[in-house]
Amino acid sequence: MKTCPDDNVWQYNTNVVFDREGNVVAKCLKRHLYFEDQFDIAPDGQQGCKFITDFGVNFGLFISFDVNYYEPAIRLVSEGVRNFIFTAAWFDALPFVMGK
């Protein structure tokens, strides 16, 4: 388990999904930071999630640079997820960094 930072604050780049009644149904923490020194890296198992909507569609959720890595993007596909919500503050070219 990670120890608490010196400032006693964890700060993650996070996506949150709410249902129609305002309940949290999914939370995804970014694992692979891209020049985001202000954020902490998500603990194992906390990144890349999936959820089912009230209209029966299973969605995977991950953030930006995580698309380049097995965890979470490929893992979600291997678990049968075919619909994704992918948020990003990106530019108009693919990165040349690929991870495993």
PDB file of N, CA and C in Angstrom:
ATOM      1  N   MET A   1       0.844  -1.184   0.000  1.00  0.00           N
ATOM      2  CA  MET A   1       0.000   0.000   0.000  1.00  0.00           C
ATOM      3  C   MET A   1       0.888   1.246   0.000  1.00  0.00           C
ATOM      4  N   LYS A   2       0.486   2.239  -0.766  1.00  0.00           N
ATOM      5  CA  LYS A   2       1.228   3.489  -0.823  1.00  0.00           C
ATOM      6  C   LYS A   2       1.000   4.289   0.457  1.00  0.00           C
ATOM      7  N   THR A   3       2.042   4.987   0.879  1.00  0.00           N
ATOM      8  CA  THR A   3       1.885   5.857   2.032  1.00  0.00           C
ATOM      9  C   THR A   3       1.359   7.206   1.576  1.00  0.00           C
ATOM     10  N   CYS A   4       0.754   7.910   2.486  1.00  0.00           N
ATOM     11  CA  CYS A   4       0.181   9.219   2.170  1.00  0.00           C
ATOM     12  C   CYS A   4       1.301  10.209   1.848  1.00  0.00           C
ATOM     13  N   PRO A   5       1.093  11.068   0.860  1.00  0.00           N
ATOM     14  CA  PRO A   5       2.107  12.071   0.527  1.00  0.00           C
ATOM     15  C   PRO A   5       2.349  13.037   1.691  1.00  0.00           C
ATOM     16  N   ASP A   6       3.452  13.751   1.631  1.00  0.00           N
ATOM     17  CA  ASP A   6       3.801  14.701   2.689  1.00  0.00           C
ATOM     18  C   ASP A   6       2.716  15.739   2.928  1.00  0.00           C
ATOM     19  N   ASP A   7       1.994  16.129   1.868  1.00  0.00           N
ATOM     20  CA  ASP A   7       0.942  17.144   2.032  1.00  0.00           C
ATOM     21  C   ASP A   7      -0.402  16.525   2.434  1.00  0.00           C
ATOM     22  N   ASN A   8      -0.437  15.202   2.665  1.00  0.00           N
ATOM     23  CA  ASN A   8      -1.646  14.477   3.081  1.00  0.00           C
ATOM     24  C   ASN A   8      -2.777  14.534   2.063  1.00  0.00           C
ATOM     25  N   VAL A   9      -2.429  14.710   0.788  1.00  0.00           N
ATOM     26  CA  VAL A   9      -3.446  14.828  -0.255  1.00  0.00           C
ATOM     27  C   VAL A   9      -3.080  13.913  -1.426  1.00  0.00           C
ATOM     28  N   TRP A  10      -4.059  13.114  -1.873  1.00  0.00           N
ATOM     29  CA  TRP A  10      -3.933  12.373  -3.122  1.00  0.00           C
ATOM     30  C   TRP A  10      -4.689  13.157  -4.179  1.00  0.00           C
ATOM     31  N   GLN A  11      -4.101  13.344  -5.330  1.00  0.00           N
ATOM     32  CA  GLN A  11      -4.780  14.052  -6.416  1.00  0.00           C
ATOM     33  C   GLN A  11      -4.625  13.238  -7.690  1.00  0.00           C
ATOM     34  N   TYR A  12      -5.775  12.780  -8.243  1.00  0.00           N
ATOM     35  CA  TYR A  12      -5.768  11.936  -9.427  1.00  0.00           C
ATOM     36  C   TYR A  12      -6.501  12.614 -10.579  1.00  0.00           C
ATOM     37  N   ASN A  13      -6.074  12.324 -11.794  1.00  0.00           N
ATOM     38  CA  ASN A  13      -6.817  12.698 -12.985  1.00  0.00           C
ATOM     39  C   ASN A  13      -7.933  11.656 -13.071  1.00  0.00           C
ATOM     40  N   THR A  14      -9.179  12.079 -12.921  1.00  0.00           N
ATOM     41  CA  THR A  14     -10.291  11.150 -12.689  1.00  0.00           C
ATOM     42  C   THR A  14     -11.484  11.437 -13.578  1.00  0.00           C
ATOM     43  N   ASN A  15     -12.107  10.370 -14.078  1.00  0.00           N
ATOM     44  CA  ASN A  15     -13.423  10.445 -14.730  1.00  0.00           C
ATOM     45  C   ASN A  15     -14.448   9.846 -13.787  1.00  0.00           C
ATOM     46  N   VAL A  16     -15.609  10.467 -13.718  1.00  0.00           N
ATOM     47  CA  VAL A  16     -16.701   9.958 -12.897  1.00  0.00           C
ATOM     48  C   VAL A  16     -17.948   9.890 -13.770  1.00  0.00           C
ATOM     49  N   VAL A  17     -18.692   8.781 -13.667  1.00  0.00           N
ATOM     50  CA  VAL A  17     -19.930   8.596 -14.427  1.00  0.00           C
ATOM     51  C   VAL A  17     -21.090   8.552 -13.438  1.00  0.00           C
ATOM     52  N   PHE A  18     -22.130   9.308 -13.750  1.00  0.00           N
ATOM     53  CA  PHE A  18     -23.332   9.352 -12.922  1.00  0.00           C
ATOM     54  C   PHE A  18     -24.498   8.748 -13.687  1.00  0.00           C
ATOM     55  N   ASP A  19     -25.429   8.122 -12.962  1.00  0.00           N
ATOM     56  CA  ASP A  19     -26.655   7.661 -13.615  1.00  0.00           C
ATOM     57  C   ASP A  19     -27.666   8.806 -13.666  1.00  0.00           C
ATOM     58  N   ARG A  20     -28.844   8.520 -14.163  1.00  0.00           N
ATOM     59  CA  ARG A  20     -29.860   9.570 -14.346  1.00  0.00           C
ATOM     60  C   ARG A  20     -30.337  10.189 -13.035  1.00  0.00           C
ATOM     61  N   GLU A  21     -30.152   9.463 -11.936  1.00  0.00           N
ATOM     62  CA  GLU A  21     -30.562   9.981 -10.624  1.00  0.00           C
ATOM     63  C   GLU A  21     -29.422  10.680  -9.887  1.00  0.00           C
ATOM     64  N   GLY A  22     -28.254  10.725 -10.509  1.00  0.00           N
ATOM     65  CA  GLY A  22     -27.117  11.403  -9.900  1.00  0.00           C
ATOM     66  C   GLY A  22     -26.230  10.516  -9.046  1.00  0.00           C
ATOM     67  N   ASN A  23     -26.448   9.201  -9.073  1.00  0.00           N
ATOM     68  CA  ASN A  23     -25.600   8.270  -8.333  1.00  0.00           C
ATOM     69  C   ASN A  23     -24.332   7.962  -9.124  1.00  0.00           C
ATOM     70  N   VAL A  24     -23.226   7.833  -8.434  1.00  0.00           N
ATOM     71  CA  VAL A  24     -21.963   7.465  -9.085  1.00  0.00           C
ATOM     72  C   VAL A  24     -22.032   5.988  -9.466  1.00  0.00           C
ATOM     73  N   VAL A  25     -21.836   5.696 -10.752  1.00  0.00           N
ATOM     74  CA  VAL A  25     -21.850   4.304 -11.217  1.00  0.00           C
ATOM     75  C   VAL A  25     -20.464   3.824 -11.646  1.00  0.00           C
ATOM     76  N   ALA A  26     -19.539   4.753 -11.868  1.00  0.00           N
ATOM     77  CA  ALA A  26     -18.184   4.368 -12.243  1.00  0.00           C
ATOM     78  C   ALA A  26     -17.221   5.502 -11.920  1.00  0.00           C
ATOM     79  N   LYS A  27     -16.003   5.104 -11.566  1.00  0.00           N
ATOM     80  CA  LYS A  27     -14.933   6.069 -11.313  1.00  0.00           C
ATOM     81  C   LYS A  27     -13.656   5.466 -11.892  1.00  0.00           C
ATOM     82  N   CYS A  28     -12.957   6.262 -12.663  1.00  0.00           N
ATOM     83  CA  CYS A  28     -11.746   5.789 -13.340  1.00  0.00           C
ATOM     84  C   CYS A  28     -10.606   6.763 -13.036  1.00  0.00           C
ATOM     85  N   LEU A  29      -9.478   6.225 -12.570  1.00  0.00           N
ATOM     86  CA  LEU A  29      -8.300   7.034 -12.283  1.00  0.00           C
ATOM     87  C   LEU A  29      -7.252   6.791 -13.358  1.00  0.00           C
ATOM     88  N   LYS A  30      -6.634   7.864 -13.838  1.00  0.00           N
ATOM     89  CA  LYS A  30      -5.619   7.739 -14.886  1.00  0.00           C
ATOM     90  C   LYS A  30      -4.342   7.112 -14.330  1.00  0.00           C
ATOM     91  N   ARG A  31      -3.804   6.155 -15.063  1.00  0.00           N
ATOM     92  CA  ARG A  31      -2.616   5.420 -14.635  1.00  0.00           C
ATOM     93  C   ARG A  31      -1.331   5.943 -15.287  1.00  0.00           C
ATOM     94  N   HIS A  32      -1.396   6.257 -16.567  1.00  0.00           N
ATOM     95  CA  HIS A  32      -0.205   6.633 -17.326  1.00  0.00           C
ATOM     96  C   HIS A  32      -0.225   8.142 -17.566  1.00  0.00           C
ATOM     97  N   LEU A  33       0.453   8.849 -16.704  1.00  0.00           N
ATOM     98  CA  LEU A  33       0.459  10.309 -16.781  1.00  0.00           C
ATOM     99  C   LEU A  33       1.389  10.768 -17.900  1.00  0.00           C
ATOM    100  N   TYR A  34       1.038  11.891 -18.507  1.00  0.00           N
ATOM    101  CA  TYR A  34       1.807  12.450 -19.606  1.00  0.00           C
ATOM    102  C   TYR A  34       2.144  13.897 -19.258  1.00  0.00           C
ATOM    103  N   PHE A  35       3.287  14.094 -18.624  1.00  0.00           N
ATOM    104  CA  PHE A  35       3.711  15.416 -18.158  1.00  0.00           C
ATOM    105  C   PHE A  35       2.666  16.042 -17.244  1.00  0.00           C
ATOM    106  N   GLU A  36       2.138  15.258 -16.333  1.00  0.00           N
ATOM    107  CA  GLU A  36       1.127  15.725 -15.376  1.00  0.00           C
ATOM    108  C   GLU A  36       1.668  15.565 -13.964  1.00  0.00           C
ATOM    109  N   ASP A  37       2.695  16.329 -13.660  1.00  0.00           N
ATOM    110  CA  ASP A  37       3.365  16.204 -12.366  1.00  0.00           C
ATOM    111  C   ASP A  37       2.478  16.561 -11.182  1.00  0.00           C
ATOM    112  N   GLN A  38       1.383  17.257 -11.439  1.00  0.00           N
ATOM    113  CA  GLN A  38       0.490  17.650 -10.355  1.00  0.00           C
ATOM    114  C   GLN A  38      -0.377  16.495  -9.862  1.00  0.00           C
ATOM    115  N   PHE A  39      -0.426  15.383 -10.620  1.00  0.00           N
ATOM    116  CA  PHE A  39      -1.275  14.252 -10.261  1.00  0.00           C
ATOM    117  C   PHE A  39      -0.471  13.081  -9.723  1.00  0.00           C
ATOM    118  N   ASP A  40      -1.137  12.266  -8.919  1.00  0.00           N
ATOM    119  CA  ASP A  40      -0.569  11.013  -8.449  1.00  0.00           C
ATOM    120  C   ASP A  40      -0.967   9.910  -9.425  1.00  0.00           C
ATOM    121  N   ILE A  41      -0.161   8.848  -9.500  1.00  0.00           N
ATOM    122  CA  ILE A  41      -0.455   7.699 -10.356  1.00  0.00           C
ATOM    123  C   ILE A  41      -1.478   6.822  -9.649  1.00  0.00           C
ATOM    124  N   ALA A  42      -2.481   6.392 -10.380  1.00  0.00           N
ATOM    125  CA  ALA A  42      -3.522   5.541  -9.807  1.00  0.00           C
ATOM    126  C   ALA A  42      -2.933   4.220  -9.328  1.00  0.00           C
ATOM    127  N   PRO A  43      -3.398   3.749  -8.177  1.00  0.00           N
ATOM    128  CA  PRO A  43      -2.952   2.435  -7.698  1.00  0.00           C
ATOM    129  C   PRO A  43      -3.412   1.331  -8.647  1.00  0.00           C
ATOM    130  N   ASP A  44      -2.714   0.204  -8.662  1.00  0.00           N
ATOM    131  CA  ASP A  44      -3.132  -0.934  -9.478  1.00  0.00           C
ATOM    132  C   ASP A  44      -4.576  -1.290  -9.167  1.00  0.00           C
ATOM    133  N   GLY A  45      -5.318  -1.612 -10.215  1.00  0.00           N
ATOM    134  CA  GLY A  45      -6.707  -2.014 -10.048  1.00  0.00           C
ATOM    135  C   GLY A  45      -7.690  -0.868  -9.950  1.00  0.00           C
ATOM    136  N   GLN A  46      -7.218   0.369  -9.927  1.00  0.00           N
ATOM    137  CA  GLN A  46      -8.110   1.523  -9.798  1.00  0.00           C
ATOM    138  C   GLN A  46      -8.355   2.226 -11.123  1.00  0.00           C
ATOM    139  N   GLN A  47      -7.692   1.806 -12.179  1.00  0.00           N
ATOM    140  CA  GLN A  47      -7.805   2.486 -13.452  1.00  0.00           C
ATOM    141  C   GLN A  47      -8.552   1.631 -14.457  1.00  0.00           C
ATOM    142  N   GLY A  48      -9.191   2.278 -15.404  1.00  0.00           N
ATOM    143  CA  GLY A  48      -9.908   1.553 -16.443  1.00  0.00           C
ATOM    144  C   GLY A  48     -11.032   0.733 -15.873  1.00  0.00           C
ATOM    145  N   CYS A  49     -12.236   1.196 -15.997  1.00  0.00           N
ATOM    146  CA  CYS A  49     -13.356   0.477 -15.416  1.00  0.00           C
ATOM    147  C   CYS A  49     -14.418   0.237 -16.485  1.00  0.00           C
ATOM    148  N   LYS A  50     -15.422  -0.507 -16.117  1.00  0.00           N
ATOM    149  CA  LYS A  50     -16.541  -0.744 -17.026  1.00  0.00           C
ATOM    150  C   LYS A  50     -17.828  -0.634 -16.225  1.00  0.00           C
ATOM    151  N   PHE A  51     -18.908  -0.313 -16.930  1.00  0.00           N
ATOM    152  CA  PHE A  51     -20.204  -0.192 -16.288  1.00  0.00           C
ATOM    153  C   PHE A  51     -21.286  -0.448 -17.328  1.00  0.00           C
ATOM    154  N   ILE A  52     -22.465  -0.780 -16.863  1.00  0.00           N
ATOM    155  CA  ILE A  52     -23.604  -1.032 -17.747  1.00  0.00           C
ATOM    156  C   ILE A  52     -24.623   0.074 -17.526  1.00  0.00           C
ATOM    157  N   THR A  53     -25.099   0.662 -18.614  1.00  0.00           N
ATOM    158  CA  THR A  53     -26.090   1.731 -18.540  1.00  0.00           C
ATOM    159  C   THR A  53     -27.483   1.158 -18.287  1.00  0.00           C
ATOM    160  N   ASP A  54     -28.408   2.053 -17.962  1.00  0.00           N
ATOM    161  CA  ASP A  54     -29.795   1.614 -17.755  1.00  0.00           C
ATOM    162  C   ASP A  54     -30.464   1.227 -19.071  1.00  0.00           C
ATOM    163  N   PHE A  55     -29.814   1.515 -20.204  1.00  0.00           N
ATOM    164  CA  PHE A  55     -30.340   1.084 -21.500  1.00  0.00           C
ATOM    165  C   PHE A  55     -29.582  -0.123 -22.038  1.00  0.00           C
ATOM    166  N   GLY A  56     -28.799  -0.801 -21.151  1.00  0.00           N
ATOM    167  CA  GLY A  56     -28.217  -2.094 -21.460  1.00  0.00           C
ATOM    168  C   GLY A  56     -26.917  -2.128 -22.222  1.00  0.00           C
ATOM    169  N   VAL A  57     -26.222  -1.005 -22.337  1.00  0.00           N
ATOM    170  CA  VAL A  57     -24.946  -0.988 -23.061  1.00  0.00           C
ATOM    171  C   VAL A  57     -23.795  -1.007 -22.050  1.00  0.00           C
ATOM    172  N   ASN A  58     -22.848  -1.905 -22.287  1.00  0.00           N
ATOM    173  CA  ASN A  58     -21.663  -2.030 -21.453  1.00  0.00           C
ATOM    174  C   ASN A  58     -20.586  -1.082 -21.998  1.00  0.00           C
ATOM    175  N   PHE A  59     -20.108  -0.173 -21.169  1.00  0.00           N
ATOM    176  CA  PHE A  59     -19.089   0.797 -21.564  1.00  0.00           C
ATOM    177  C   PHE A  59     -17.812   0.577 -20.779  1.00  0.00           C
ATOM    178  N   GLY A  60     -16.682   0.797 -21.444  1.00  0.00           N
ATOM    179  CA  GLY A  60     -15.397   0.894 -20.785  1.00  0.00           C
ATOM    180  C   GLY A  60     -15.042   2.366 -20.679  1.00  0.00           C
ATOM    181  N   LEU A  61     -14.256   2.703 -19.685  1.00  0.00           N
ATOM    182  CA  LEU A  61     -13.918   4.094 -19.423  1.00  0.00           C
ATOM    183  C   LEU A  61     -12.427   4.181 -19.107  1.00  0.00           C
ATOM    184  N   PHE A  62     -11.723   5.038 -19.825  1.00  0.00           N
ATOM    185  CA  PHE A  62     -10.336   5.326 -19.484  1.00  0.00           C
ATOM    186  C   PHE A  62      -9.983   6.721 -19.972  1.00  0.00           C
ATOM    187  N   ILE A  63      -8.797   7.180 -19.585  1.00  0.00           N
ATOM    188  CA  ILE A  63      -8.428   8.580 -19.777  1.00  0.00           C
ATOM    189  C   ILE A  63      -7.174   8.712 -20.644  1.00  0.00           C
ATOM    190  N   SER A  64      -7.281   9.495 -21.681  1.00  0.00           N
ATOM    191  CA  SER A  64      -6.182  10.027 -22.467  1.00  0.00           C
ATOM    192  C   SER A  64      -5.062   9.034 -22.778  1.00  0.00           C
ATOM    193  N   PHE A  65      -3.871   9.264 -22.256  1.00  0.00           N
ATOM    194  CA  PHE A  65      -2.659   8.513 -22.597  1.00  0.00           C
ATOM    195  C   PHE A  65      -2.773   7.035 -22.251  1.00  0.00           C
ATOM    196  N   ASP A  66      -3.720   6.657 -21.378  1.00  0.00           N
ATOM    197  CA  ASP A  66      -3.925   5.249 -21.027  1.00  0.00           C
ATOM    198  C   ASP A  66      -4.288   4.401 -22.250  1.00  0.00           C
ATOM    199  N   VAL A  67      -4.765   5.031 -23.325  1.00  0.00           N
ATOM    200  CA  VAL A  67      -5.127   4.293 -24.540  1.00  0.00           C
ATOM    201  C   VAL A  67      -3.922   3.567 -25.139  1.00  0.00           C
ATOM    202  N   ASN A  68      -2.725   3.984 -24.840  1.00  0.00           N
ATOM    203  CA  ASN A  68      -1.514   3.398 -25.406  1.00  0.00           C
ATOM    204  C   ASN A  68      -1.008   2.159 -24.686  1.00  0.00           C
ATOM    205  N   TYR A  69      -1.657   1.749 -23.624  1.00  0.00           N
ATOM    206  CA  TYR A  69      -1.141   0.687 -22.783  1.00  0.00           C
ATOM    207  C   TYR A  69      -2.133  -0.465 -22.636  1.00  0.00           C
ATOM    208  N   TYR A  70      -1.563  -1.651 -22.374  1.00  0.00           N
ATOM    209  CA  TYR A  70      -2.409  -2.826 -22.154  1.00  0.00           C
ATOM    210  C   TYR A  70      -3.402  -2.551 -21.027  1.00  0.00           C
ATOM    211  N   GLU A  71      -2.894  -2.038 -19.943  1.00  0.00           N
ATOM    212  CA  GLU A  71      -3.739  -1.713 -18.793  1.00  0.00           C
ATOM    213  C   GLU A  71      -4.022  -0.222 -18.825  1.00  0.00           C
ATOM    214  N   PRO A  72      -5.201   0.188 -19.082  1.00  0.00           N
ATOM    215  CA  PRO A  72      -6.455  -0.547 -19.035  1.00  0.00           C
ATOM    216  C   PRO A  72      -7.087  -0.870 -20.389  1.00  0.00           C
ATOM    217  N   ALA A  73      -6.664  -0.231 -21.471  1.00  0.00           N
ATOM    218  CA  ALA A  73      -7.407  -0.292 -22.736  1.00  0.00           C
ATOM    219  C   ALA A  73      -7.572  -1.710 -23.282  1.00  0.00           C
ATOM    220  N   ILE A  74      -6.483  -2.420 -23.475  1.00  0.00           N
ATOM    221  CA  ILE A  74      -6.556  -3.762 -24.061  1.00  0.00           C
ATOM    222  C   ILE A  74      -7.216  -4.738 -23.089  1.00  0.00           C
ATOM    223  N   ARG A  75      -6.960  -4.569 -21.804  1.00  0.00           N
ATOM    224  CA  ARG A  75      -7.609  -5.427 -20.807  1.00  0.00           C
ATOM    225  C   ARG A  75      -9.118  -5.339 -20.932  1.00  0.00           C
ATOM    226  N   LEU A  76      -9.647  -4.122 -21.072  1.00  0.00           N
ATOM    227  CA  LEU A  76     -11.100  -3.951 -21.196  1.00  0.00           C
ATOM    228  C   LEU A  76     -11.635  -4.632 -22.450  1.00  0.00           C
ATOM    229  N   VAL A  77     -10.920  -4.512 -23.566  1.00  0.00           N
ATOM    230  CA  VAL A  77     -11.329  -5.183 -24.804  1.00  0.00           C
ATOM    231  C   VAL A  77     -11.308  -6.702 -24.601  1.00  0.00           C
ATOM    232  N   SER A  78     -10.267  -7.210 -23.949  1.00  0.00           N
ATOM    233  CA  SER A  78     -10.171  -8.655 -23.718  1.00  0.00           C
ATOM    234  C   SER A  78     -11.269  -9.163 -22.793  1.00  0.00           C
ATOM    235  N   GLU A  79     -11.863  -8.264 -22.016  1.00  0.00           N
ATOM    236  CA  GLU A  79     -12.991  -8.622 -21.150  1.00  0.00           C
ATOM    237  C   GLU A  79     -14.332  -8.478 -21.870  1.00  0.00           C
ATOM    238  N   GLY A  80     -14.285  -8.164 -23.166  1.00  0.00           N
ATOM    239  CA  GLY A  80     -15.503  -8.116 -23.961  1.00  0.00           C
ATOM    240  C   GLY A  80     -16.127  -6.750 -24.134  1.00  0.00           C
ATOM    241  N   VAL A  81     -15.506  -5.706 -23.625  1.00  0.00           N
ATOM    242  CA  VAL A  81     -16.063  -4.360 -23.776  1.00  0.00           C
ATOM    243  C   VAL A  81     -15.847  -3.895 -25.215  1.00  0.00           C
ATOM    244  N   ARG A  82     -16.900  -3.353 -25.832  1.00  0.00           N
ATOM    245  CA  ARG A  82     -16.813  -2.901 -27.222  1.00  0.00           C
ATOM    246  C   ARG A  82     -17.212  -1.429 -27.399  1.00  0.00           C
ATOM    247  N   ASN A  83     -17.677  -0.799 -26.340  1.00  0.00           N
ATOM    248  CA  ASN A  83     -18.081   0.611 -26.377  1.00  0.00           C
ATOM    249  C   ASN A  83     -17.269   1.346 -25.311  1.00  0.00           C
ATOM    250  N   PHE A  84     -16.699   2.495 -25.697  1.00  0.00           N
ATOM    251  CA  PHE A  84     -15.802   3.193 -24.781  1.00  0.00           C
ATOM    252  C   PHE A  84     -16.127   4.665 -24.658  1.00  0.00           C
ATOM    253  N   ILE A  85     -15.889   5.170 -23.471  1.00  0.00           N
ATOM    254  CA  ILE A  85     -15.860   6.602 -23.213  1.00  0.00           C
ATOM    255  C   ILE A  85     -14.392   6.913 -22.959  1.00  0.00           C
ATOM    256  N   PHE A  86     -13.852   7.761 -23.798  1.00  0.00           N
ATOM    257  CA  PHE A  86     -12.424   8.039 -23.787  1.00  0.00           C
ATOM    258  C   PHE A  86     -12.249   9.549 -23.768  1.00  0.00           C
ATOM    259  N   THR A  87     -11.879  10.102 -22.633  1.00  0.00           N
ATOM    260  CA  THR A  87     -11.675  11.545 -22.531  1.00  0.00           C
ATOM    261  C   THR A  87     -10.204  11.865 -22.728  1.00  0.00           C
ATOM    262  N   ALA A  88      -9.936  13.008 -23.354  1.00  0.00           N
ATOM    263  CA  ALA A  88      -8.551  13.386 -23.612  1.00  0.00           C
ATOM    264  C   ALA A  88      -8.432  14.876 -23.879  1.00  0.00           C
ATOM    265  N   ALA A  89      -7.301  15.402 -23.493  1.00  0.00           N
ATOM    266  CA  ALA A  89      -6.861  16.721 -23.932  1.00  0.00           C
ATOM    267  C   ALA A  89      -5.681  16.417 -24.835  1.00  0.00           C
ATOM    268  N   TRP A  90      -5.947  16.220 -26.106  1.00  0.00           N
ATOM    269  CA  TRP A  90      -4.959  15.654 -27.014  1.00  0.00           C
ATOM    270  C   TRP A  90      -4.628  16.648 -28.117  1.00  0.00           C
ATOM    271  N   PHE A  91      -3.692  16.285 -28.943  1.00  0.00           N
ATOM    272  CA  PHE A  91      -3.301  17.071 -30.096  1.00  0.00           C
ATOM    273  C   PHE A  91      -3.577  16.249 -31.343  1.00  0.00           C
ATOM    274  N   ASP A  92      -3.250  16.737 -32.508  1.00  0.00           N
ATOM    275  CA  ASP A  92      -3.688  16.101 -33.747  1.00  0.00           C
ATOM    276  C   ASP A  92      -2.713  15.073 -34.325  1.00  0.00           C
ATOM    277  N   ALA A  93      -1.941  14.408 -33.469  1.00  0.00           N
ATOM    278  CA  ALA A  93      -1.032  13.358 -33.943  1.00  0.00           C
ATOM    279  C   ALA A  93      -0.926  12.274 -32.881  1.00  0.00           C
ATOM    280  N   LEU A  94      -0.701  11.045 -33.307  1.00  0.00           N
ATOM    281  CA  LEU A  94      -0.518   9.956 -32.362  1.00  0.00           C
ATOM    282  C   LEU A  94       0.849  10.067 -31.700  1.00  0.00           C
ATOM    283  N   PRO A  95       0.942   9.688 -30.433  1.00  0.00           N
ATOM    284  CA  PRO A  95       2.260   9.728 -29.766  1.00  0.00           C
ATOM    285  C   PRO A  95       3.138   8.589 -30.286  1.00  0.00           C
ATOM    286  N   PHE A  96       4.417   8.748 -30.158  1.00  0.00           N
ATOM    287  CA  PHE A  96       5.348   7.723 -30.599  1.00  0.00           C
ATOM    288  C   PHE A  96       5.786   6.829 -29.445  1.00  0.00           C
ATOM    289  N   VAL A  97       5.115   6.928 -28.321  1.00  0.00           N
ATOM    290  CA  VAL A  97       5.424   6.115 -27.164  1.00  0.00           C
ATOM    291  C   VAL A  97       4.373   5.026 -27.054  1.00  0.00           C
ATOM    292  N   MET A  98       4.791   3.780 -27.045  1.00  0.00           N
ATOM    293  CA  MET A  98       3.850   2.677 -26.884  1.00  0.00           C
ATOM    294  C   MET A  98       4.314   1.831 -25.703  1.00  0.00           C
ATOM    295  N   GLY A  99       3.404   1.463 -24.844  1.00  0.00           N
ATOM    296  CA  GLY A  99       3.766   0.672 -23.668  1.00  0.00           C
ATOM    297  C   GLY A  99       3.142  -0.696 -23.693  1.00  0.00           C
ATOM    298  N   LYS A 100       3.463  -1.477 -22.721  1.00  0.00           N
ATOM    299  CA  LYS A 100       2.910  -2.822 -22.581  1.00  0.00           C
ATOM    300  C   LYS A 100       2.036  -2.887 -21.366  1.00  0.00           C
TER     301      LYS A 100
END
